[in-house]
Amino acid sequence: METKSIMIVGVGGQGTLLASRILGNAVIGEGYDVKVSEVHGMSQRGGSVVTYVRYGEKVYSPVIDNGGADIILAFELLEAQRALPYLKKGGKIIVNSQQIDPMPVITGACEYPANIAGYLKENADTTLIDALSLAKCAGNQKAVNVVLIGVMAKNTDIPYDVWVQTIKNTVPEKFLEVNLKAFDLGYNS
């Protein structure tokens, strides 16, 4: 199997790290070699968080270069636009339609870019989803990460049952029901 590269991007507090753990555990469960690298900006203050997940028969480095990501899983529109150069030709970007203003926008130093969704759709195979609404339907708006994992799971060769078992093994018991529902909402969206 050729190595697959998935880039997860978002801002601090969105659950990107849990999403990368779920992804990493799912592919390990299928017998693949997995390398994960987390790059934190000012994650506690809403800054960018990027995680690289690479898996295959044998993976030597977790780093994804420009033009190397098979899938970009973006938890926020601006982060999706920033990550777009990393997408492989023929790759897929899955984007939460949520907009989270970065500090320069909050302070009034600049404006949030207009029509990012349109730009993404013009430049890549883009799946845009309102993961926040689906997470609220699941019972907790913080389940956006698992909604997006559900959407992404449909674009992998990993069976549905493996994803469900991985979530059961990774998510704390008190949050399990919400996260399983969030995964199903994303998977079936």
N, C-alpha and C. Protein backbone atom coordinates (compact mmCIF):
# COMPACT_ATOMS: atom_id res chain seq x y z
N MET A 1 0.84 -1.19 0.00
CA MET A 1 0.00 0.00 0.00
C MET A 1 0.88 1.25 0.00
N GLU A 2 0.51 2.19 -0.82
CA GLU A 2 1.24 3.46 -0.84
C GLU A 2 0.90 4.24 0.43
N THR A 3 1.84 5.01 0.93
CA THR A 3 1.63 5.79 2.14
C THR A 3 0.57 6.85 1.90
N LYS A 4 -0.34 6.97 2.86
CA LYS A 4 -1.39 8.00 2.84
C LYS A 4 -1.01 9.09 3.83
N SER A 5 -1.27 10.32 3.44
CA SER A 5 -0.93 11.48 4.27
C SER A 5 -2.19 12.31 4.51
N ILE A 6 -2.49 12.51 5.79
CA ILE A 6 -3.67 13.29 6.17
C ILE A 6 -3.22 14.41 7.09
N MET A 7 -3.65 15.61 6.76
CA MET A 7 -3.30 16.79 7.53
C MET A 7 -4.57 17.27 8.23
N ILE A 8 -4.49 17.47 9.54
CA ILE A 8 -5.63 17.95 10.31
C ILE A 8 -5.27 19.35 10.79
N VAL A 9 -6.13 20.33 10.45
CA VAL A 9 -5.85 21.72 10.81
C VAL A 9 -7.05 22.34 11.50
N GLY A 10 -6.76 23.20 12.46
CA GLY A 10 -7.82 23.91 13.17
C GLY A 10 -7.19 24.92 14.10
N VAL A 11 -7.96 25.32 15.09
CA VAL A 11 -7.45 26.24 16.10
C VAL A 11 -7.56 25.56 17.46
N GLY A 12 -6.79 26.08 18.40
CA GLY A 12 -6.77 25.50 19.73
C GLY A 12 -8.16 25.39 20.33
N GLY A 13 -8.44 24.26 20.94
CA GLY A 13 -9.72 24.04 21.59
C GLY A 13 -10.76 23.35 20.73
N GLN A 14 -10.45 23.08 19.47
CA GLN A 14 -11.43 22.44 18.59
C GLN A 14 -11.36 20.92 18.61
N GLY A 15 -10.40 20.34 19.29
CA GLY A 15 -10.32 18.89 19.35
C GLY A 15 -9.54 18.25 18.23
N THR A 16 -8.62 18.99 17.63
CA THR A 16 -7.82 18.41 16.55
C THR A 16 -6.94 17.28 17.05
N LEU A 17 -6.46 17.40 18.29
CA LEU A 17 -5.56 16.37 18.81
C LEU A 17 -6.32 15.06 19.08
N LEU A 18 -7.54 15.15 19.58
CA LEU A 18 -8.35 13.94 19.75
C LEU A 18 -8.64 13.32 18.38
N ALA A 19 -8.93 14.14 17.40
CA ALA A 19 -9.19 13.64 16.05
C ALA A 19 -7.97 12.88 15.52
N SER A 20 -6.77 13.42 15.76
CA SER A 20 -5.57 12.74 15.28
C SER A 20 -5.34 11.43 16.02
N ARG A 21 -5.69 11.38 17.31
CA ARG A 21 -5.56 10.13 18.07
C ARG A 21 -6.53 9.08 17.54
N ILE A 22 -7.76 9.49 17.25
CA ILE A 22 -8.74 8.55 16.70
C ILE A 22 -8.24 8.02 15.36
N LEU A 23 -7.80 8.91 14.49
CA LEU A 23 -7.29 8.49 13.18
C LEU A 23 -6.10 7.57 13.33
N GLY A 24 -5.12 7.96 14.14
CA GLY A 24 -3.93 7.14 14.35
C GLY A 24 -4.26 5.76 14.90
N ASN A 25 -5.15 5.70 15.89
CA ASN A 25 -5.54 4.42 16.48
C ASN A 25 -6.29 3.54 15.49
N ALA A 26 -7.11 4.16 14.64
CA ALA A 26 -7.86 3.37 13.64
C ALA A 26 -6.92 2.72 12.65
N VAL A 27 -5.93 3.45 12.17
CA VAL A 27 -5.03 2.87 11.17
C VAL A 27 -4.06 1.87 11.80
N ILE A 28 -3.67 2.10 13.05
CA ILE A 28 -2.85 1.11 13.76
C ILE A 28 -3.66 -0.19 13.90
N GLY A 29 -4.95 -0.05 14.22
CA GLY A 29 -5.82 -1.21 14.35
C GLY A 29 -5.94 -2.02 13.08
N GLU A 30 -5.68 -1.40 11.95
CA GLU A 30 -5.71 -2.09 10.66
C GLU A 30 -4.34 -2.64 10.26
N GLY A 31 -3.36 -2.47 11.17
CA GLY A 31 -2.05 -3.06 10.93
C GLY A 31 -1.06 -2.19 10.18
N TYR A 32 -1.37 -0.92 9.99
CA TYR A 32 -0.46 -0.03 9.28
C TYR A 32 0.58 0.56 10.21
N ASP A 33 1.71 0.91 9.64
CA ASP A 33 2.71 1.71 10.34
C ASP A 33 2.20 3.15 10.31
N VAL A 34 2.27 3.83 11.44
CA VAL A 34 1.71 5.18 11.54
C VAL A 34 2.73 6.11 12.17
N LYS A 35 2.81 7.30 11.61
CA LYS A 35 3.64 8.36 12.20
C LYS A 35 2.74 9.59 12.34
N VAL A 36 2.78 10.22 13.53
CA VAL A 36 1.96 11.39 13.81
C VAL A 36 2.88 12.49 14.32
N SER A 37 2.66 13.70 13.84
CA SER A 37 3.41 14.85 14.31
C SER A 37 2.44 15.99 14.55
N GLU A 38 2.53 16.58 15.74
CA GLU A 38 1.64 17.69 16.09
C GLU A 38 2.44 18.98 16.14
N VAL A 39 1.92 20.00 15.48
CA VAL A 39 2.55 21.31 15.47
C VAL A 39 1.58 22.28 16.11
N HIS A 40 1.97 22.82 17.25
CA HIS A 40 1.08 23.73 17.97
C HIS A 40 1.55 25.16 17.79
N GLY A 41 0.61 26.03 17.50
CA GLY A 41 0.90 27.47 17.54
C GLY A 41 0.52 27.91 18.95
N MET A 42 -0.20 28.97 19.04
CA MET A 42 -0.71 29.43 20.33
C MET A 42 -2.02 28.71 20.58
N SER A 43 -1.95 27.40 20.71
CA SER A 43 -3.15 26.57 20.73
C SER A 43 -4.09 26.90 21.88
N GLN A 44 -3.56 27.25 23.05
CA GLN A 44 -4.45 27.58 24.16
C GLN A 44 -5.16 28.91 23.94
N ARG A 45 -4.68 29.70 23.04
CA ARG A 45 -5.27 31.02 22.80
C ARG A 45 -5.96 31.11 21.45
N GLY A 46 -6.37 29.98 20.93
CA GLY A 46 -7.08 29.99 19.66
C GLY A 46 -6.18 30.04 18.44
N GLY A 47 -4.90 29.79 18.63
CA GLY A 47 -3.96 29.80 17.51
C GLY A 47 -4.03 28.52 16.69
N SER A 48 -3.34 28.50 15.59
CA SER A 48 -3.35 27.37 14.67
C SER A 48 -2.77 26.11 15.31
N VAL A 49 -3.41 24.99 15.00
CA VAL A 49 -2.92 23.68 15.40
C VAL A 49 -2.94 22.82 14.14
N VAL A 50 -1.81 22.17 13.86
CA VAL A 50 -1.68 21.32 12.68
C VAL A 50 -1.17 19.96 13.13
N THR A 51 -1.79 18.90 12.63
CA THR A 51 -1.33 17.55 12.91
C THR A 51 -1.14 16.83 11.59
N TYR A 52 -0.01 16.17 11.45
CA TYR A 52 0.26 15.33 10.29
C TYR A 52 0.08 13.88 10.71
N VAL A 53 -0.67 13.12 9.94
CA VAL A 53 -0.82 11.69 10.17
C VAL A 53 -0.48 10.99 8.86
N ARG A 54 0.52 10.14 8.90
CA ARG A 54 0.93 9.39 7.71
C ARG A 54 0.90 7.91 8.06
N TYR A 55 0.33 7.11 7.15
CA TYR A 55 0.27 5.67 7.41
C TYR A 55 0.43 4.88 6.12
N GLY A 56 0.94 3.66 6.30
CA GLY A 56 1.17 2.76 5.17
C GLY A 56 1.90 1.52 5.67
N GLU A 57 2.49 0.78 4.75
CA GLU A 57 3.24 -0.42 5.15
C GLU A 57 4.44 -0.05 6.00
N LYS A 58 5.19 0.97 5.57
CA LYS A 58 6.32 1.47 6.34
C LYS A 58 6.43 2.97 6.10
N VAL A 59 6.35 3.74 7.18
CA VAL A 59 6.41 5.19 7.10
C VAL A 59 7.66 5.65 7.85
N TYR A 60 8.44 6.50 7.22
CA TYR A 60 9.71 6.92 7.81
C TYR A 60 9.65 8.30 8.44
N SER A 61 8.70 9.12 8.04
CA SER A 61 8.62 10.48 8.56
C SER A 61 7.16 10.91 8.68
N PRO A 62 6.82 11.64 9.73
CA PRO A 62 5.45 12.12 9.86
C PRO A 62 5.18 13.41 9.08
N VAL A 63 6.22 14.05 8.59
CA VAL A 63 6.07 15.38 7.99
C VAL A 63 5.44 15.28 6.60
N ILE A 64 4.50 16.18 6.35
CA ILE A 64 3.86 16.29 5.03
C ILE A 64 4.35 17.58 4.39
N ASP A 65 4.94 17.45 3.22
CA ASP A 65 5.43 18.62 2.49
C ASP A 65 4.31 19.24 1.66
N ASN A 66 4.56 20.44 1.14
CA ASN A 66 3.61 21.07 0.22
C ASN A 66 3.29 20.09 -0.91
N GLY A 67 2.02 19.98 -1.24
CA GLY A 67 1.59 19.10 -2.31
C GLY A 67 1.60 17.62 -1.94
N GLY A 68 1.66 17.30 -0.65
CA GLY A 68 1.79 15.91 -0.24
C GLY A 68 0.60 15.30 0.49
N ALA A 69 -0.41 16.10 0.83
CA ALA A 69 -1.53 15.57 1.62
C ALA A 69 -2.61 14.97 0.72
N ASP A 70 -2.97 13.73 1.00
CA ASP A 70 -4.08 13.09 0.28
C ASP A 70 -5.41 13.69 0.73
N ILE A 71 -5.49 13.97 2.03
CA ILE A 71 -6.71 14.57 2.61
C ILE A 71 -6.28 15.65 3.58
N ILE A 72 -6.98 16.78 3.51
CA ILE A 72 -6.85 17.81 4.56
C ILE A 72 -8.20 17.86 5.26
N LEU A 73 -8.16 17.68 6.57
CA LEU A 73 -9.35 17.76 7.40
C LEU A 73 -9.27 19.08 8.14
N ALA A 74 -10.10 20.04 7.75
CA ALA A 74 -10.01 21.41 8.27
C ALA A 74 -11.20 21.73 9.17
N PHE A 75 -10.90 22.15 10.38
CA PHE A 75 -11.93 22.42 11.37
C PHE A 75 -12.48 23.85 11.28
N GLU A 76 -11.89 24.66 10.39
CA GLU A 76 -12.26 26.07 10.29
C GLU A 76 -11.85 26.57 8.92
N LEU A 77 -12.61 27.49 8.36
CA LEU A 77 -12.41 27.95 6.98
C LEU A 77 -11.04 28.56 6.70
N LEU A 78 -10.61 29.51 7.52
CA LEU A 78 -9.33 30.17 7.27
C LEU A 78 -8.17 29.19 7.38
N GLU A 79 -8.26 28.26 8.34
CA GLU A 79 -7.22 27.24 8.47
C GLU A 79 -7.19 26.35 7.23
N ALA A 80 -8.35 26.10 6.64
CA ALA A 80 -8.41 25.31 5.39
C ALA A 80 -7.68 26.04 4.28
N GLN A 81 -7.92 27.34 4.17
CA GLN A 81 -7.26 28.12 3.12
C GLN A 81 -5.75 28.13 3.33
N ARG A 82 -5.31 28.27 4.57
CA ARG A 82 -3.88 28.27 4.86
C ARG A 82 -3.22 26.94 4.50
N ALA A 83 -3.97 25.85 4.68
CA ALA A 83 -3.41 24.51 4.45
C ALA A 83 -3.48 24.07 2.99
N LEU A 84 -4.25 24.75 2.18
CA LEU A 84 -4.47 24.32 0.80
C LEU A 84 -3.19 24.00 0.01
N PRO A 85 -2.09 24.75 0.17
CA PRO A 85 -0.88 24.41 -0.58
C PRO A 85 -0.33 23.00 -0.28
N TYR A 86 -0.75 22.43 0.82
CA TYR A 86 -0.27 21.09 1.19
C TYR A 86 -1.05 19.97 0.50
N LEU A 87 -2.17 20.31 -0.11
CA LEU A 87 -3.01 19.30 -0.73
C LEU A 87 -2.37 18.78 -2.01
N LYS A 88 -2.36 17.46 -2.12
CA LYS A 88 -1.83 16.78 -3.30
C LYS A 88 -2.77 17.02 -4.48
N LYS A 89 -2.23 17.08 -5.67
CA LYS A 89 -3.08 17.16 -6.87
C LYS A 89 -3.95 15.91 -6.87
N GLY A 90 -5.27 16.11 -6.96
CA GLY A 90 -6.22 15.00 -6.89
C GLY A 90 -6.62 14.66 -5.46
N GLY A 91 -6.08 15.40 -4.48
CA GLY A 91 -6.44 15.18 -3.08
C GLY A 91 -7.80 15.79 -2.75
N LYS A 92 -8.23 15.58 -1.53
CA LYS A 92 -9.54 16.03 -1.09
C LYS A 92 -9.40 16.86 0.19
N ILE A 93 -10.15 17.95 0.26
CA ILE A 93 -10.19 18.75 1.47
C ILE A 93 -11.61 18.71 2.04
N ILE A 94 -11.70 18.37 3.31
CA ILE A 94 -12.98 18.31 4.02
C ILE A 94 -12.97 19.45 5.02
N VAL A 95 -13.96 20.34 4.91
CA VAL A 95 -13.91 21.60 5.64
C VAL A 95 -15.18 21.84 6.44
N ASN A 96 -15.01 22.15 7.72
CA ASN A 96 -16.10 22.63 8.54
C ASN A 96 -16.39 24.07 8.11
N SER A 97 -17.63 24.40 7.87
CA SER A 97 -17.99 25.74 7.38
C SER A 97 -17.90 26.83 8.45
N GLN A 98 -17.52 26.47 9.64
CA GLN A 98 -17.43 27.41 10.75
C GLN A 98 -16.32 28.43 10.53
N GLN A 99 -16.58 29.65 10.95
CA GLN A 99 -15.59 30.73 10.90
C GLN A 99 -15.24 31.11 12.32
N ILE A 100 -13.97 31.04 12.67
CA ILE A 100 -13.50 31.47 13.99
C ILE A 100 -12.50 32.59 13.76
N ASP A 101 -12.84 33.76 14.25
CA ASP A 101 -11.99 34.92 14.01
C ASP A 101 -10.65 34.80 14.75
N PRO A 102 -9.53 34.95 14.02
CA PRO A 102 -8.22 34.96 14.68
C PRO A 102 -8.02 36.31 15.39
N MET A 103 -7.02 36.37 16.23
CA MET A 103 -6.78 37.57 17.04
C MET A 103 -6.69 38.86 16.21
N PRO A 104 -6.00 38.89 15.06
CA PRO A 104 -5.96 40.15 14.29
C PRO A 104 -7.35 40.63 13.85
N VAL A 105 -8.27 39.72 13.61
CA VAL A 105 -9.64 40.10 13.25
C VAL A 105 -10.37 40.59 14.50
N ILE A 106 -10.19 39.89 15.61
CA ILE A 106 -10.85 40.28 16.87
C ILE A 106 -10.42 41.68 17.29
N THR A 107 -9.14 42.00 17.13
CA THR A 107 -8.64 43.31 17.54
C THR A 107 -8.92 44.41 16.53
N GLY A 108 -9.42 44.02 15.35
CA GLY A 108 -9.73 45.01 14.33
C GLY A 108 -8.57 45.36 13.43
N ALA A 109 -7.45 44.65 13.56
CA ALA A 109 -6.27 44.94 12.74
C ALA A 109 -6.46 44.52 11.29
N CYS A 110 -7.34 43.55 11.04
CA CYS A 110 -7.64 43.14 9.68
C CYS A 110 -9.02 42.49 9.64
N GLU A 111 -9.47 42.20 8.43
CA GLU A 111 -10.79 41.59 8.26
C GLU A 111 -10.64 40.12 7.90
N TYR A 112 -11.62 39.34 8.30
CA TYR A 112 -11.65 37.93 7.93
C TYR A 112 -11.85 37.86 6.41
N PRO A 113 -11.05 37.07 5.70
CA PRO A 113 -11.18 37.00 4.24
C PRO A 113 -12.57 36.56 3.79
N ALA A 114 -13.05 37.17 2.74
CA ALA A 114 -14.38 36.86 2.20
C ALA A 114 -14.32 35.65 1.28
N ASN A 115 -15.41 34.92 1.21
CA ASN A 115 -15.64 33.82 0.27
C ASN A 115 -14.54 32.76 0.22
N ILE A 116 -14.08 32.35 1.40
CA ILE A 116 -13.08 31.29 1.45
C ILE A 116 -13.65 29.99 0.87
N ALA A 117 -14.90 29.69 1.19
CA ALA A 117 -15.52 28.46 0.69
C ALA A 117 -15.50 28.42 -0.84
N GLY A 118 -15.83 29.51 -1.47
CA GLY A 118 -15.80 29.59 -2.93
C GLY A 118 -14.40 29.37 -3.48
N TYR A 119 -13.42 29.99 -2.83
CA TYR A 119 -12.02 29.83 -3.24
C TYR A 119 -11.59 28.37 -3.15
N LEU A 120 -11.95 27.73 -2.05
CA LEU A 120 -11.58 26.32 -1.87
C LEU A 120 -12.21 25.45 -2.94
N LYS A 121 -13.49 25.68 -3.22
CA LYS A 121 -14.20 24.87 -4.21
C LYS A 121 -13.63 25.07 -5.61
N GLU A 122 -13.14 26.28 -5.91
CA GLU A 122 -12.54 26.55 -7.21
C GLU A 122 -11.17 25.88 -7.37
N ASN A 123 -10.50 25.64 -6.27
CA ASN A 123 -9.12 25.19 -6.33
C ASN A 123 -8.85 23.77 -5.84
N ALA A 124 -9.88 23.07 -5.38
CA ALA A 124 -9.67 21.71 -4.87
C ALA A 124 -10.98 20.94 -4.81
N ASP A 125 -10.87 19.63 -4.73
CA ASP A 125 -12.02 18.77 -4.48
C ASP A 125 -12.42 19.00 -3.03
N THR A 126 -13.47 19.77 -2.83
CA THR A 126 -13.83 20.27 -1.51
C THR A 126 -15.18 19.73 -1.05
N THR A 127 -15.20 19.20 0.17
CA THR A 127 -16.45 18.86 0.84
C THR A 127 -16.62 19.86 1.96
N LEU A 128 -17.64 20.69 1.86
CA LEU A 128 -17.93 21.70 2.87
C LEU A 128 -19.10 21.20 3.70
N ILE A 129 -18.96 21.19 5.01
CA ILE A 129 -20.00 20.65 5.88
C ILE A 129 -20.17 21.53 7.11
N ASP A 130 -21.41 21.70 7.52
CA ASP A 130 -21.70 22.44 8.75
C ASP A 130 -21.58 21.47 9.92
N ALA A 131 -20.35 21.18 10.28
CA ALA A 131 -20.08 20.20 11.35
C ALA A 131 -20.55 20.70 12.71
N LEU A 132 -20.58 22.01 12.90
CA LEU A 132 -21.05 22.56 14.17
C LEU A 132 -22.52 22.22 14.39
N SER A 133 -23.34 22.38 13.37
CA SER A 133 -24.77 22.04 13.51
C SER A 133 -24.96 20.55 13.77
N LEU A 134 -24.18 19.73 13.08
CA LEU A 134 -24.30 18.28 13.30
C LEU A 134 -23.83 17.91 14.71
N ALA A 135 -22.79 18.55 15.20
CA ALA A 135 -22.32 18.29 16.56
C ALA A 135 -23.39 18.68 17.58
N LYS A 136 -24.06 19.80 17.35
CA LYS A 136 -25.15 20.20 18.25
C LYS A 136 -26.27 19.17 18.22
N CYS A 137 -26.57 18.63 17.03
CA CYS A 137 -27.59 17.57 16.91
C CYS A 137 -27.18 16.32 17.69
N ALA A 138 -25.88 16.07 17.74
CA ALA A 138 -25.38 14.91 18.48
C ALA A 138 -25.45 15.12 19.98
N GLY A 139 -25.56 16.39 20.39
CA GLY A 139 -25.69 16.68 21.82
C GLY A 139 -24.60 17.52 22.43
N ASN A 140 -23.57 17.89 21.64
CA ASN A 140 -22.50 18.71 22.20
C ASN A 140 -21.73 19.38 21.06
N GLN A 141 -21.70 20.70 21.06
CA GLN A 141 -21.02 21.42 19.98
C GLN A 141 -19.52 21.12 19.92
N LYS A 142 -18.97 20.59 20.98
CA LYS A 142 -17.54 20.25 20.97
C LYS A 142 -17.24 18.97 20.19
N ALA A 143 -18.28 18.29 19.70
CA ALA A 143 -18.09 17.06 18.94
C ALA A 143 -17.86 17.31 17.45
N VAL A 144 -17.57 18.56 17.08
CA VAL A 144 -17.26 18.90 15.69
C VAL A 144 -16.14 18.01 15.16
N ASN A 145 -15.13 17.77 16.01
CA ASN A 145 -13.99 16.96 15.58
C ASN A 145 -14.41 15.55 15.15
N VAL A 146 -15.31 14.94 15.88
CA VAL A 146 -15.71 13.57 15.56
C VAL A 146 -16.69 13.55 14.38
N VAL A 147 -17.48 14.61 14.21
CA VAL A 147 -18.30 14.74 13.00
C VAL A 147 -17.38 14.73 11.79
N LEU A 148 -16.32 15.52 11.84
CA LEU A 148 -15.38 15.60 10.71
C LEU A 148 -14.64 14.28 10.49
N ILE A 149 -14.30 13.59 11.57
CA ILE A 149 -13.70 12.26 11.42
C ILE A 149 -14.67 11.34 10.70
N GLY A 150 -15.95 11.45 11.01
CA GLY A 150 -16.97 10.64 10.33
C GLY A 150 -17.02 10.92 8.84
N VAL A 151 -16.97 12.19 8.47
CA VAL A 151 -16.97 12.56 7.05
C VAL A 151 -15.73 11.99 6.37
N MET A 152 -14.58 12.15 7.02
CA MET A 152 -13.32 11.67 6.45
C MET A 152 -13.31 10.16 6.34
N ALA A 153 -13.87 9.48 7.32
CA ALA A 153 -13.85 8.01 7.35
C ALA A 153 -14.44 7.41 6.07
N LYS A 154 -15.44 8.09 5.51
CA LYS A 154 -16.05 7.63 4.25
C LYS A 154 -15.06 7.67 3.09
N ASN A 155 -13.99 8.45 3.23
CA ASN A 155 -12.99 8.62 2.17
C ASN A 155 -11.74 7.78 2.41
N THR A 156 -11.85 6.78 3.29
CA THR A 156 -10.71 5.89 3.55
C THR A 156 -11.16 4.45 3.28
N ASP A 157 -10.18 3.55 3.29
CA ASP A 157 -10.47 2.12 3.11
C ASP A 157 -10.73 1.43 4.44
N ILE A 158 -10.73 2.17 5.52
CA ILE A 158 -10.91 1.58 6.84
C ILE A 158 -12.40 1.34 7.08
N PRO A 159 -12.77 0.11 7.44
CA PRO A 159 -14.19 -0.21 7.63
C PRO A 159 -14.86 0.60 8.75
N TYR A 160 -16.13 0.82 8.57
CA TYR A 160 -16.96 1.56 9.54
C TYR A 160 -16.79 0.99 10.95
N ASP A 161 -16.87 -0.33 11.09
CA ASP A 161 -16.80 -0.96 12.41
C ASP A 161 -15.48 -0.67 13.12
N VAL A 162 -14.40 -0.55 12.36
CA VAL A 162 -13.11 -0.23 12.96
C VAL A 162 -13.14 1.17 13.55
N TRP A 163 -13.73 2.10 12.82
CA TRP A 163 -13.84 3.48 13.32
C TRP A 163 -14.65 3.50 14.62
N VAL A 164 -15.78 2.82 14.64
CA VAL A 164 -16.64 2.82 15.83
C VAL A 164 -15.89 2.23 17.02
N GLN A 165 -15.21 1.11 16.82
CA GLN A 165 -14.47 0.49 17.92
C GLN A 165 -13.34 1.39 18.39
N THR A 166 -12.69 2.06 17.45
CA THR A 166 -11.60 2.98 17.82
C THR A 166 -12.13 4.12 18.67
N ILE A 167 -13.27 4.67 18.31
CA ILE A 167 -13.87 5.75 19.11
C ILE A 167 -14.19 5.22 20.51
N LYS A 168 -14.74 4.03 20.59
CA LYS A 168 -15.06 3.42 21.89
C LYS A 168 -13.80 3.26 22.74
N ASN A 169 -12.67 2.95 22.10
CA ASN A 169 -11.42 2.74 22.82
C ASN A 169 -10.67 4.03 23.12
N THR A 170 -11.04 5.13 22.48
CA THR A 170 -10.26 6.37 22.58
C THR A 170 -10.96 7.46 23.39
N VAL A 171 -12.27 7.55 23.25
CA VAL A 171 -13.03 8.64 23.88
C VAL A 171 -13.44 8.22 25.30
N PRO A 172 -13.32 9.12 26.27
CA PRO A 172 -13.77 8.80 27.63
C PRO A 172 -15.25 8.39 27.66
N GLU A 173 -15.55 7.45 28.52
CA GLU A 173 -16.89 6.86 28.62
C GLU A 173 -18.01 7.91 28.72
N LYS A 174 -17.79 8.96 29.52
CA LYS A 174 -18.87 9.94 29.72
C LYS A 174 -19.19 10.74 28.46
N PHE A 175 -18.30 10.73 27.46
CA PHE A 175 -18.55 11.44 26.21
C PHE A 175 -18.82 10.49 25.04
N LEU A 176 -18.84 9.21 25.32
CA LEU A 176 -18.91 8.21 24.25
C LEU A 176 -20.19 8.28 23.43
N GLU A 177 -21.34 8.36 24.07
CA GLU A 177 -22.62 8.36 23.34
C GLU A 177 -22.70 9.53 22.36
N VAL A 178 -22.34 10.71 22.83
CA VAL A 178 -22.37 11.91 21.98
C VAL A 178 -21.41 11.74 20.79
N ASN A 179 -20.22 11.23 21.07
CA ASN A 179 -19.23 11.10 20.00
C ASN A 179 -19.59 10.03 18.99
N LEU A 180 -20.19 8.94 19.42
CA LEU A 180 -20.65 7.93 18.46
C LEU A 180 -21.76 8.49 17.58
N LYS A 181 -22.65 9.27 18.17
CA LYS A 181 -23.72 9.89 17.37
C LYS A 181 -23.12 10.91 16.41
N ALA A 182 -22.14 11.69 16.87
CA ALA A 182 -21.49 12.69 16.02
C ALA A 182 -20.79 12.01 14.84
N PHE A 183 -20.10 10.89 15.13
CA PHE A 183 -19.43 10.16 14.05
C PHE A 183 -20.45 9.70 13.01
N ASP A 184 -21.54 9.11 13.46
CA ASP A 184 -22.57 8.63 12.52
C ASP A 184 -23.17 9.76 11.69
N LEU A 185 -23.41 10.92 12.33
CA LEU A 185 -23.95 12.06 11.59
C LEU A 185 -22.98 12.51 10.50
N GLY A 186 -21.69 12.54 10.82
CA GLY A 186 -20.69 12.91 9.82
C GLY A 186 -20.55 11.84 8.75
N TYR A 187 -20.50 10.61 9.15
CA TYR A 187 -20.31 9.49 8.22
C TYR A 187 -21.46 9.42 7.21
N ASN A 188 -22.68 9.70 7.67
CA ASN A 188 -23.86 9.59 6.82
C ASN A 188 -24.29 10.91 6.17
N SER A 189 -23.49 11.95 6.37
CA SER A 189 -23.87 13.26 5.80
C SER A 189 -23.63 13.32 4.30
